[in-house]
Amino acid sequence: MSALWDLQVQFVRAKAKLILKAEELGIEMTDGDAYRDPRVFGAVGVNKPNVYGESKSCHKSRLAQDFNVKNEEDHVKLHDEWDKLGGSPRIDHDMNHYSFSYQGMR
């Protein structure tokens, strides 16, 4: 398989571990955006008109998931755990974003 495939598999496992950790910590969470299909959002490096999101987004490579929680403090706790799982560094203005770095994207 490809290096991207292997990273996607690791990412899914890390998401599962994060969800279980949130449960352990008593943090309720819901899913937000995950995969952004290129037919709708454009290929990596492309922005389609009237469509939100970064042109170079790990969502387009199946390496990002947005999770929604009730407060910012919960995101801080979850990102501390995400760091331990090998996740990309948090983005302060996009705390619901959890991703793995790939080709300079996070």
Protein backbone atom coordinates (compact mmCIF):
# COMPACT_ATOMS: atom_id res chain seq x y z
CA MET A 1 0.00 0.00 0.00
CA SER A 2 0.95 3.64 -0.23
CA ALA A 3 2.41 5.84 2.46
CA LEU A 4 -0.81 7.91 2.37
CA TRP A 5 -2.92 4.81 2.95
CA ASP A 6 -0.78 3.82 5.93
CA LEU A 7 -1.10 7.30 7.41
CA GLN A 8 -4.89 7.26 6.87
CA VAL A 9 -5.10 3.96 8.75
CA GLN A 10 -3.06 5.39 11.62
CA PHE A 11 -5.30 8.47 11.63
CA VAL A 12 -8.49 6.42 11.96
CA ARG A 13 -6.98 4.52 14.88
CA ALA A 14 -5.92 7.76 16.57
CA LYS A 15 -9.43 9.20 16.16
CA ALA A 16 -10.90 6.12 17.83
CA LYS A 17 -8.47 6.44 20.72
CA LEU A 18 -9.29 10.15 21.08
CA ILE A 19 -13.02 9.41 21.19
CA LEU A 20 -12.48 6.81 23.91
CA LYS A 21 -10.28 9.26 25.86
CA ALA A 22 -12.97 11.92 25.62
CA GLU A 23 -15.45 9.45 27.08
CA GLU A 24 -13.00 8.64 29.89
CA LEU A 25 -12.59 12.37 30.63
CA GLY A 26 -16.35 12.94 30.59
CA ILE A 27 -16.16 15.13 27.48
CA GLU A 28 -19.16 14.92 25.17
CA MET A 29 -18.32 15.37 21.50
CA THR A 30 -20.00 15.25 18.12
CA ASP A 31 -18.59 14.87 14.62
CA GLY A 32 -17.98 17.81 12.34
CA ASP A 33 -16.37 17.83 8.90
CA ALA A 34 -14.18 14.92 7.88
CA TYR A 35 -13.48 14.03 4.24
CA ARG A 36 -13.92 16.82 1.73
CA ASP A 37 -14.69 15.26 -1.64
CA PRO A 38 -12.74 16.85 -4.53
CA ARG A 39 -15.87 16.84 -6.69
CA VAL A 40 -17.34 19.39 -4.29
CA PHE A 41 -14.31 21.09 -2.73
CA GLY A 42 -11.72 20.77 -5.50
CA ALA A 43 -8.49 18.78 -5.51
CA VAL A 44 -5.69 19.52 -3.07
CA GLY A 45 -4.41 23.01 -3.91
CA VAL A 46 -7.67 24.08 -5.58
CA ASN A 47 -10.46 26.22 -4.15
CA LYS A 48 -13.84 25.99 -5.85
CA PRO A 49 -15.94 29.17 -5.92
CA ASN A 50 -18.53 29.53 -3.15
CA VAL A 51 -17.14 26.56 -1.21
CA TYR A 52 -15.56 26.93 2.22
CA GLY A 53 -12.27 25.44 3.34
CA GLU A 54 -8.58 25.76 2.64
CA SER A 55 -7.26 24.76 -0.76
CA LYS A 56 -4.54 22.71 0.92
CA SER A 57 -6.48 20.85 3.58
CA CYS A 58 -5.82 17.49 5.18
CA HIS A 59 -9.58 16.98 5.02
CA LYS A 60 -9.08 16.40 1.28
CA SER A 61 -6.59 13.60 2.03
CA ARG A 62 -8.75 11.88 4.68
CA LEU A 63 -6.37 13.03 7.39
CA ALA A 64 -8.53 15.53 9.29
CA GLN A 65 -11.65 15.47 11.41
CA ASP A 66 -13.48 18.30 13.08
CA PHE A 67 -14.97 17.47 16.48
CA ASN A 68 -17.43 19.66 18.32
CA VAL A 69 -17.40 19.99 22.11
CA LYS A 70 -19.25 22.28 24.51
CA ASN A 71 -16.36 24.53 25.53
CA GLU A 72 -12.83 25.55 24.61
CA GLU A 73 -11.32 23.99 27.73
CA ASP A 74 -12.42 20.57 26.48
CA HIS A 75 -10.60 21.18 23.20
CA VAL A 76 -7.44 22.01 25.13
CA LYS A 77 -7.69 18.70 27.02
CA LEU A 78 -8.39 16.76 23.82
CA HIS A 79 -5.53 18.41 21.95
CA ASP A 80 -3.19 17.48 24.79
CA GLU A 81 -4.24 13.87 24.18
CA TRP A 82 -4.05 14.33 20.39
CA ASP A 83 -0.42 15.41 20.78
CA LYS A 84 0.33 12.12 22.56
CA LEU A 85 -1.29 10.21 19.68
CA GLY A 86 0.99 11.84 17.10
CA GLY A 87 -1.50 14.37 15.82
CA SER A 88 -0.60 17.66 14.16
CA PRO A 89 -0.15 20.69 16.41
CA ARG A 90 -3.33 22.50 17.34
CA ILE A 91 -4.42 25.54 15.36
CA ASP A 92 -5.45 28.15 17.93
CA HIS A 93 -8.12 29.73 15.74
CA ASP A 94 -9.50 26.30 14.66
CA MET A 95 -9.52 24.24 17.84
CA ASN A 96 -12.14 21.76 16.60
CA HIS A 97 -9.66 20.59 13.91
CA TYR A 98 -7.73 17.36 14.57
CA SER A 99 -5.41 16.13 11.84
CA PHE A 100 -2.23 14.33 10.85
CA SER A 101 0.37 16.32 8.91
CA TYR A 102 0.93 15.39 5.29
CA GLN A 103 2.98 17.09 2.58
CA GLY A 104 3.25 20.32 4.55
CA MET A 105 -0.47 20.42 5.39
CA ARG A 106 -2.06 20.01 8.77
